[in-house]
PDB file of all heavy atoms in Angstrom:
ATOM      1  N   GLU A   1       2.526  20.115  10.440  1.00  0.00           N
ATOM      2  CA  GLU A   1       3.918  20.106   9.954  1.00  0.00           C
ATOM      3  C   GLU A   1       4.467  18.563   9.864  1.00  0.00           C
ATOM      4  O   GLU A   1       5.116  18.340   8.913  1.00  0.00           O
ATOM      5  CB  GLU A   1       4.835  20.945  10.836  1.00  0.00           C
ATOM      6  CG  GLU A   1       6.224  20.922  10.357  1.00  0.00           C
ATOM      7  CD  GLU A   1       7.158  21.840  11.241  1.00  0.00           C
ATOM      8  OE1 GLU A   1       6.612  22.320  12.290  1.00  0.00           O
ATOM      9  OE2 GLU A   1       8.243  22.089  10.825  1.00  0.00           O
ATOM     10  N   GLU A   2       4.236  17.799  10.870  1.00  0.00           N
ATOM     11  CA  GLU A   2       4.693  16.473  10.895  1.00  0.00           C
ATOM     12  C   GLU A   2       4.169  15.723   9.682  1.00  0.00           C
ATOM     13  O   GLU A   2       4.941  14.887   9.101  1.00  0.00           O
ATOM     14  CB  GLU A   2       4.366  15.728  12.129  1.00  0.00           C
ATOM     15  CG  GLU A   2       5.170  16.145  13.374  1.00  0.00           C
ATOM     16  CD  GLU A   2       4.689  17.405  14.009  1.00  0.00           C
ATOM     17  OE1 GLU A   2       3.870  18.127  13.454  1.00  0.00           O
ATOM     18  OE2 GLU A   2       5.175  17.737  15.083  1.00  0.00           O
ATOM     19  N   VAL A   3       2.907  15.947   9.326  1.00  0.00           N
ATOM     20  CA  VAL A   3       2.391  15.292   8.140  1.00  0.00           C
ATOM     21  C   VAL A   3       3.009  15.718   6.857  1.00  0.00           C
ATOM     22  O   VAL A   3       3.310  14.940   5.907  1.00  0.00           O
ATOM     23  CB  VAL A   3       0.875  15.462   8.051  1.00  0.00           C
ATOM     24  CG1 VAL A   3       0.198  14.877   6.874  1.00  0.00           C
ATOM     25  CG2 VAL A   3       0.127  14.813   9.324  1.00  0.00           C
ATOM     26  N   ARG A   4       3.163  17.149   6.779  1.00  0.00           N
ATOM     27  CA  ARG A   4       3.882  17.641   5.576  1.00  0.00           C
ATOM     28  C   ARG A   4       5.238  17.030   5.343  1.00  0.00           C
ATOM     29  O   ARG A   4       5.727  16.800   4.242  1.00  0.00           O
ATOM     30  CB  ARG A   4       3.939  19.164   5.718  1.00  0.00           C
ATOM     31  CG  ARG A   4       2.643  19.923   5.673  1.00  0.00           C
ATOM     32  CD  ARG A   4       2.817  21.397   5.354  1.00  0.00           C
ATOM     33  NE  ARG A   4       3.831  22.034   6.183  1.00  0.00           N
ATOM     34  CZ  ARG A   4       3.574  22.615   7.351  1.00  0.00           C
ATOM     35  NH1 ARG A   4       2.307  22.388   7.897  1.00  0.00           N
ATOM     36  NH2 ARG A   4       4.554  23.156   8.122  1.00  0.00           N
ATOM     37  N   LEU A   5       6.060  16.801   6.517  1.00  0.00           N
ATOM     38  CA  LEU A   5       7.371  16.343   6.335  1.00  0.00           C
ATOM     39  C   LEU A   5       7.438  14.899   6.122  1.00  0.00           C
ATOM     40  O   LEU A   5       8.495  14.320   5.628  1.00  0.00           O
ATOM     41  CB  LEU A   5       8.101  16.627   7.645  1.00  0.00           C
ATOM     42  CG  LEU A   5       8.337  18.098   7.962  1.00  0.00           C
ATOM     43  CD1 LEU A   5       9.045  18.226   9.336  1.00  0.00           C
ATOM     44  CD2 LEU A   5       9.250  18.701   6.868  1.00  0.00           C
ATOM     45  N   THR A   6       6.339  14.111   6.344  1.00  0.00           N
ATOM     46  CA  THR A   6       6.388  12.667   6.244  1.00  0.00           C
ATOM     47  C   THR A   6       5.605  12.107   5.048  1.00  0.00           C
ATOM     48  O   THR A   6       6.013  11.142   4.466  1.00  0.00           O
ATOM     49  CB  THR A   6       5.766  11.994   7.565  1.00  0.00           C
ATOM     50  OG1 THR A   6       6.467  12.667   8.715  1.00  0.00           O
ATOM     51  CG2 THR A   6       5.947  10.499   7.655  1.00  0.00           C
ATOM     52  N   VAL A   7       4.436  12.642   4.780  1.00  0.00           N
ATOM     53  CA  VAL A   7       3.457  12.107   3.818  1.00  0.00           C
ATOM     54  C   VAL A   7       3.632  12.807   2.421  1.00  0.00           C
ATOM     55  O   VAL A   7       3.568  14.084   2.508  1.00  0.00           O
ATOM     56  CB  VAL A   7       2.071  12.152   4.336  1.00  0.00           C
ATOM     57  CG1 VAL A   7       1.159  11.445   3.332  1.00  0.00           C
ATOM     58  CG2 VAL A   7       1.930  11.485   5.705  1.00  0.00           C
ATOM     59  N   THR A   8       3.783  12.145   1.356  1.00  0.00           N
ATOM     60  CA  THR A   8       3.810  12.754   0.041  1.00  0.00           C
ATOM     61  C   THR A   8       2.493  13.207  -0.451  1.00  0.00           C
ATOM     62  O   THR A   8       1.545  12.681  -0.021  1.00  0.00           O
ATOM     63  CB  THR A   8       4.481  11.802  -0.950  1.00  0.00           C
ATOM     64  OG1 THR A   8       3.584  10.722  -1.132  1.00  0.00           O
ATOM     65  CG2 THR A   8       5.766  11.275  -0.547  1.00  0.00           C
ATOM     66  N   ASN A   9       2.484  14.159  -1.230  1.00  0.00           N
ATOM     67  CA  ASN A   9       1.241  14.747  -1.831  1.00  0.00           C
ATOM     68  C   ASN A   9       0.964  14.258  -3.202  1.00  0.00           C
ATOM     69  O   ASN A   9       0.318  14.907  -3.909  1.00  0.00           O
ATOM     70  CB  ASN A   9       1.329  16.360  -1.810  1.00  0.00           C
ATOM     71  CG  ASN A   9       1.245  16.908  -0.476  1.00  0.00           C
ATOM     72  OD1 ASN A   9       0.978  16.224   0.512  1.00  0.00           O
ATOM     73  ND2 ASN A   9       1.487  18.162  -0.344  1.00  0.00           N
ATOM     74  N   THR A  10       1.527  13.112  -3.548  1.00  0.00           N
ATOM     75  CA  THR A  10       1.410  12.448  -4.855  1.00  0.00           C
ATOM     76  C   THR A  10       0.666  11.187  -4.734  1.00  0.00           C
ATOM     77  O   THR A  10       0.723  10.547  -3.570  1.00  0.00           O
ATOM     78  CB  THR A  10       2.746  12.338  -5.515  1.00  0.00           C
ATOM     79  OG1 THR A  10       3.543  11.500  -4.729  1.00  0.00           O
ATOM     80  CG2 THR A  10       3.433  13.706  -5.752  1.00  0.00           C
ATOM     81  N   ASP A  11       0.097  10.693  -5.804  1.00  0.00           N
ATOM     82  CA  ASP A  11      -0.569   9.433  -5.789  1.00  0.00           C
ATOM     83  C   ASP A  11      -0.635   8.800  -7.250  1.00  0.00           C
ATOM     84  O   ASP A  11      -0.752   9.728  -8.178  1.00  0.00           O
ATOM     85  CB  ASP A  11      -2.045   9.565  -5.182  1.00  0.00           C
ATOM     86  CG  ASP A  11      -2.736   8.279  -5.201  1.00  0.00           C
ATOM     87  OD1 ASP A  11      -2.156   7.153  -5.068  1.00  0.00           O
ATOM     88  OD2 ASP A  11      -3.960   8.254  -5.394  1.00  0.00           O
ATOM     89  N   ASP A  12      -0.541   7.600  -7.371  1.00  0.00           N
ATOM     90  CA  ASP A  12      -0.734   6.927  -8.601  1.00  0.00           C
ATOM     91  C   ASP A  12      -1.881   5.972  -8.621  1.00  0.00           C
ATOM     92  O   ASP A  12      -1.728   4.836  -8.059  1.00  0.00           O
ATOM     93  CB  ASP A  12       0.534   6.132  -9.047  1.00  0.00           C
ATOM     94  CG  ASP A  12       0.481   5.586 -10.376  1.00  0.00           C
ATOM     95  OD1 ASP A  12      -0.619   5.632 -11.059  1.00  0.00           O
ATOM     96  OD2 ASP A  12       1.424   4.927 -10.839  1.00  0.00           O
ATOM     97  N   PRO A  13      -3.089   6.415  -8.941  1.00  0.00           N
ATOM     98  CA  PRO A  13      -4.318   5.618  -8.815  1.00  0.00           C
ATOM     99  C   PRO A  13      -4.277   4.279  -9.731  1.00  0.00           C
ATOM    100  O   PRO A  13      -5.056   3.445  -9.503  1.00  0.00           O
ATOM    101  CB  PRO A  13      -5.426   6.503  -9.317  1.00  0.00           C
ATOM    102  CG  PRO A  13      -4.905   7.945  -9.288  1.00  0.00           C
ATOM    103  CD  PRO A  13      -3.453   7.743  -9.505  1.00  0.00           C
ATOM    104  N   THR A  14      -3.290   4.248 -10.664  1.00  0.00           N
ATOM    105  CA  THR A  14      -3.173   3.025 -11.586  1.00  0.00           C
ATOM    106  C   THR A  14      -2.499   1.837 -10.887  1.00  0.00           C
ATOM    107  O   THR A  14      -2.445   0.788 -11.501  1.00  0.00           O
ATOM    108  CB  THR A  14      -2.572   3.438 -12.824  1.00  0.00           C
ATOM    109  OG1 THR A  14      -1.180   3.790 -12.549  1.00  0.00           O
ATOM    110  CG2 THR A  14      -3.287   4.565 -13.546  1.00  0.00           C
ATOM    111  N   LEU A  15      -1.798   2.091  -9.799  1.00  0.00           N
ATOM    112  CA  LEU A  15      -1.085   1.005  -9.054  1.00  0.00           C
ATOM    113  C   LEU A  15      -2.045  -0.099  -8.674  1.00  0.00           C
ATOM    114  O   LEU A  15      -3.030   0.274  -8.007  1.00  0.00           O
ATOM    115  CB  LEU A  15      -0.348   1.561  -7.842  1.00  0.00           C
ATOM    116  CG  LEU A  15       0.912   2.376  -8.144  1.00  0.00           C
ATOM    117  CD1 LEU A  15       1.503   2.855  -6.809  1.00  0.00           C
ATOM    118  CD2 LEU A  15       2.003   1.592  -8.916  1.00  0.00           C
ATOM    119  N   PRO A  16      -1.736  -1.367  -9.026  1.00  0.00           N
ATOM    120  CA  PRO A  16      -2.613  -2.466  -8.706  1.00  0.00           C
ATOM    121  C   PRO A  16      -2.443  -2.805  -7.219  1.00  0.00           C
ATOM    122  O   PRO A  16      -1.376  -2.695  -6.664  1.00  0.00           O
ATOM    123  CB  PRO A  16      -2.117  -3.589  -9.523  1.00  0.00           C
ATOM    124  CG  PRO A  16      -0.687  -3.325  -9.802  1.00  0.00           C
ATOM    125  CD  PRO A  16      -0.634  -1.794  -9.873  1.00  0.00           C
ATOM    126  N   VAL A  17      -3.553  -3.006  -6.527  1.00  0.00           N
ATOM    127  CA  VAL A  17      -3.546  -3.302  -5.072  1.00  0.00           C
ATOM    128  C   VAL A  17      -4.340  -4.682  -4.834  1.00  0.00           C
ATOM    129  O   VAL A  17      -3.889  -5.417  -3.932  1.00  0.00           O
ATOM    130  CB  VAL A  17      -4.224  -2.269  -4.197  1.00  0.00           C
ATOM    131  CG1 VAL A  17      -3.438  -0.938  -4.317  1.00  0.00           C
ATOM    132  CG2 VAL A  17      -5.646  -2.095  -4.643  1.00  0.00           C
ATOM    133  N   TRP A  18      -5.228  -5.013  -5.710  1.00  0.00           N
ATOM    134  CA  TRP A  18      -6.033  -6.314  -5.488  1.00  0.00           C
ATOM    135  C   TRP A  18      -5.282  -7.369  -6.228  1.00  0.00           C
ATOM    136  O   TRP A  18      -5.878  -7.913  -7.208  1.00  0.00           O
ATOM    137  CB  TRP A  18      -7.396  -6.030  -6.012  1.00  0.00           C
ATOM    138  CG  TRP A  18      -8.536  -6.730  -5.282  1.00  0.00           C
ATOM    139  CD1 TRP A  18      -9.328  -7.702  -5.725  1.00  0.00           C
ATOM    140  CD2 TRP A  18      -8.925  -6.583  -3.920  1.00  0.00           C
ATOM    141  NE1 TRP A  18     -10.243  -8.078  -4.794  1.00  0.00           N
ATOM    142  CE2 TRP A  18      -9.946  -7.364  -3.617  1.00  0.00           C
ATOM    143  CE3 TRP A  18      -8.363  -5.761  -2.885  1.00  0.00           C
ATOM    144  CZ2 TRP A  18     -10.592  -7.506  -2.374  1.00  0.00           C
ATOM    145  CZ3 TRP A  18      -8.952  -5.828  -1.641  1.00  0.00           C
ATOM    146  CH2 TRP A  18     -10.124  -6.715  -1.387  1.00  0.00           C
ATOM    147  N   THR A  19      -4.156  -7.703  -5.812  1.00  0.00           N
ATOM    148  CA  THR A  19      -3.278  -8.597  -6.638  1.00  0.00           C
ATOM    149  C   THR A  19      -3.182  -9.987  -5.870  1.00  0.00           C
ATOM    150  O   THR A  19      -3.428 -10.126  -4.708  1.00  0.00           O
ATOM    151  CB  THR A  19      -1.820  -8.019  -6.795  1.00  0.00           C
ATOM    152  OG1 THR A  19      -1.258  -7.916  -5.494  1.00  0.00           O
ATOM    153  CG2 THR A  19      -1.826  -6.661  -7.378  1.00  0.00           C
ATOM    154  N   PHE A  20      -2.636 -10.935  -6.681  1.00  0.00           N
ATOM    155  CA  PHE A  20      -2.452 -12.323  -6.134  1.00  0.00           C
ATOM    156  C   PHE A  20      -1.379 -12.223  -5.077  1.00  0.00           C
ATOM    157  O   PHE A  20      -1.433 -12.823  -3.994  1.00  0.00           O
ATOM    158  CB  PHE A  20      -1.899 -13.185  -7.240  1.00  0.00           C
ATOM    159  CG  PHE A  20      -1.389 -14.564  -6.742  1.00  0.00           C
ATOM    160  CD1 PHE A  20      -2.207 -15.500  -6.319  1.00  0.00           C
ATOM    161  CD2 PHE A  20       0.037 -14.729  -6.638  1.00  0.00           C
ATOM    162  CE1 PHE A  20      -1.705 -16.701  -5.856  1.00  0.00           C
ATOM    163  CE2 PHE A  20       0.502 -15.917  -6.163  1.00  0.00           C
ATOM    164  CZ  PHE A  20      -0.362 -16.893  -5.714  1.00  0.00           C
ATOM    165  N   ARG A  21      -0.344 -11.431  -5.266  1.00  0.00           N
ATOM    166  CA  ARG A  21       0.735 -11.189  -4.286  1.00  0.00           C
ATOM    167  C   ARG A  21       0.206 -10.645  -2.983  1.00  0.00           C
ATOM    168  O   ARG A  21       0.629 -11.134  -1.894  1.00  0.00           O
ATOM    169  CB  ARG A  21       1.827 -10.271  -4.824  1.00  0.00           C
ATOM    170  CG  ARG A  21       2.594 -10.759  -5.997  1.00  0.00           C
ATOM    171  CD  ARG A  21       3.647  -9.730  -6.394  1.00  0.00           C
ATOM    172  NE  ARG A  21       3.144  -8.447  -6.719  1.00  0.00           N
ATOM    173  CZ  ARG A  21       3.313  -7.813  -7.839  1.00  0.00           C
ATOM    174  NH1 ARG A  21       4.088  -8.332  -8.860  1.00  0.00           N
ATOM    175  NH2 ARG A  21       2.827  -6.567  -8.014  1.00  0.00           N
ATOM    176  N   MET A  22      -0.695  -9.699  -2.995  1.00  0.00           N
ATOM    177  CA  MET A  22      -1.241  -9.064  -1.777  1.00  0.00           C
ATOM    178  C   MET A  22      -2.080 -10.144  -1.051  1.00  0.00           C
ATOM    179  O   MET A  22      -1.945 -10.306   0.147  1.00  0.00           O
ATOM    180  CB  MET A  22      -2.213  -7.882  -2.150  1.00  0.00           C
ATOM    181  CG  MET A  22      -2.630  -7.080  -0.978  1.00  0.00           C
ATOM    182  SD  MET A  22      -4.069  -7.759  -0.037  1.00  0.00           S
ATOM    183  CE  MET A  22      -5.426  -7.626  -1.299  1.00  0.00           C
ATOM    184  N   TRP A  23      -2.884 -10.912  -1.795  1.00  0.00           N
ATOM    185  CA  TRP A  23      -3.673 -11.960  -1.073  1.00  0.00           C
ATOM    186  C   TRP A  23      -2.830 -13.101  -0.575  1.00  0.00           C
ATOM    187  O   TRP A  23      -3.004 -13.465   0.634  1.00  0.00           O
ATOM    188  CB  TRP A  23      -4.692 -12.546  -2.126  1.00  0.00           C
ATOM    189  CG  TRP A  23      -5.873 -11.649  -2.257  1.00  0.00           C
ATOM    190  CD1 TRP A  23      -6.278 -10.843  -3.310  1.00  0.00           C
ATOM    191  CD2 TRP A  23      -7.011 -11.496  -1.287  1.00  0.00           C
ATOM    192  NE1 TRP A  23      -7.473 -10.219  -3.064  1.00  0.00           N
ATOM    193  CE2 TRP A  23      -7.921 -10.548  -1.865  1.00  0.00           C
ATOM    194  CE3 TRP A  23      -7.209 -12.021  -0.038  1.00  0.00           C
ATOM    195  CZ2 TRP A  23      -9.084 -10.122  -1.251  1.00  0.00           C
ATOM    196  CZ3 TRP A  23      -8.325 -11.598   0.689  1.00  0.00           C
ATOM    197  CH2 TRP A  23      -9.224 -10.596   0.004  1.00  0.00           C
ATOM    198  N   PHE A  24      -1.835 -13.590  -1.331  1.00  0.00           N
ATOM    199  CA  PHE A  24      -1.047 -14.581  -0.850  1.00  0.00           C
ATOM    200  C   PHE A  24      -0.241 -14.161   0.318  1.00  0.00           C
ATOM    201  O   PHE A  24      -0.243 -14.914   1.372  1.00  0.00           O
ATOM    202  CB  PHE A  24      -0.053 -15.149  -2.004  1.00  0.00           C
ATOM    203  CG  PHE A  24       0.940 -16.129  -1.607  1.00  0.00           C
ATOM    204  CD1 PHE A  24       0.434 -17.458  -1.284  1.00  0.00           C
ATOM    205  CD2 PHE A  24       2.252 -15.756  -1.448  1.00  0.00           C
ATOM    206  CE1 PHE A  24       1.400 -18.397  -0.920  1.00  0.00           C
ATOM    207  CE2 PHE A  24       3.209 -16.740  -1.134  1.00  0.00           C
ATOM    208  CZ  PHE A  24       2.759 -18.056  -0.806  1.00  0.00           C
ATOM    209  N   LEU A  25       0.540 -13.123   0.186  1.00  0.00           N
ATOM    210  CA  LEU A  25       1.387 -12.667   1.364  1.00  0.00           C
ATOM    211  C   LEU A  25       0.509 -12.240   2.532  1.00  0.00           C
ATOM    212  O   LEU A  25       0.918 -12.279   3.692  1.00  0.00           O
ATOM    213  CB  LEU A  25       2.336 -11.547   0.859  1.00  0.00           C
ATOM    214  CG  LEU A  25       3.398 -12.104  -0.116  1.00  0.00           C
ATOM    215  CD1 LEU A  25       4.268 -10.852  -0.630  1.00  0.00           C
ATOM    216  CD2 LEU A  25       4.339 -13.130   0.426  1.00  0.00           C
ATOM    217  N   GLY A  26      -0.512 -11.488   2.237  1.00  0.00           N
ATOM    218  CA  GLY A  26      -1.462 -10.963   3.313  1.00  0.00           C
ATOM    219  C   GLY A  26      -2.011 -12.182   4.107  1.00  0.00           C
ATOM    220  O   GLY A  26      -1.952 -12.126   5.357  1.00  0.00           O
ATOM    221  N   LEU A  27      -2.661 -13.084   3.498  1.00  0.00           N
ATOM    222  CA  LEU A  27      -3.196 -14.274   4.267  1.00  0.00           C
ATOM    223  C   LEU A  27      -2.004 -15.049   4.971  1.00  0.00           C
ATOM    224  O   LEU A  27      -2.258 -15.502   6.092  1.00  0.00           O
ATOM    225  CB  LEU A  27      -3.896 -15.232   3.289  1.00  0.00           C
ATOM    226  CG  LEU A  27      -5.270 -14.680   2.685  1.00  0.00           C
ATOM    227  CD1 LEU A  27      -5.676 -15.448   1.445  1.00  0.00           C
ATOM    228  CD2 LEU A  27      -6.318 -14.516   3.716  1.00  0.00           C
ATOM    229  N   LEU A  28      -1.001 -15.259   4.290  1.00  0.00           N
ATOM    230  CA  LEU A  28       0.201 -16.006   4.852  1.00  0.00           C
ATOM    231  C   LEU A  28       0.673 -15.310   6.138  1.00  0.00           C
ATOM    232  O   LEU A  28       0.949 -15.867   7.251  1.00  0.00           O
ATOM    233  CB  LEU A  28       1.335 -16.162   3.868  1.00  0.00           C
ATOM    234  CG  LEU A  28       2.578 -16.974   4.296  1.00  0.00           C
ATOM    235  CD1 LEU A  28       2.156 -18.427   4.829  1.00  0.00           C
ATOM    236  CD2 LEU A  28       3.592 -16.952   3.240  1.00  0.00           C
ATOM    237  N   SER A  29       0.949 -13.957   6.029  1.00  0.00           N
ATOM    238  CA  SER A  29       1.345 -13.186   7.123  1.00  0.00           C
ATOM    239  C   SER A  29       0.412 -13.151   8.251  1.00  0.00           C
ATOM    240  O   SER A  29       0.784 -13.291   9.436  1.00  0.00           O
ATOM    241  CB  SER A  29       1.637 -11.713   6.650  1.00  0.00           C
ATOM    242  OG  SER A  29       2.600 -11.679   5.588  1.00  0.00           O
ATOM    243  N   CYS A  30      -0.875 -12.985   7.962  1.00  0.00           N
ATOM    244  CA  CYS A  30      -1.910 -12.981   8.967  1.00  0.00           C
ATOM    245  C   CYS A  30      -1.912 -14.281   9.724  1.00  0.00           C
ATOM    246  O   CYS A  30      -2.028 -14.363  10.986  1.00  0.00           O
ATOM    247  CB  CYS A  30      -3.263 -12.698   8.373  1.00  0.00           C
ATOM    248  SG  CYS A  30      -4.594 -12.646   9.564  1.00  0.00           S
ATOM    249  N   ALA A  31      -1.876 -15.448   9.032  1.00  0.00           N
ATOM    250  CA  ALA A  31      -1.901 -16.713   9.665  1.00  0.00           C
ATOM    251  C   ALA A  31      -0.681 -16.964  10.483  1.00  0.00           C
ATOM    252  O   ALA A  31      -0.832 -17.452  11.605  1.00  0.00           O
ATOM    253  CB  ALA A  31      -2.076 -17.792   8.569  1.00  0.00           C
TER     254      ALA A  31
END
């Protein structure tokens, strides 16, 4: 039940994840 109330059952596989923003902010945040 907790998962049903919190997590959506939808997804957009076209959303970009391997982006410059992800790398730049990810590396910066990690450092």
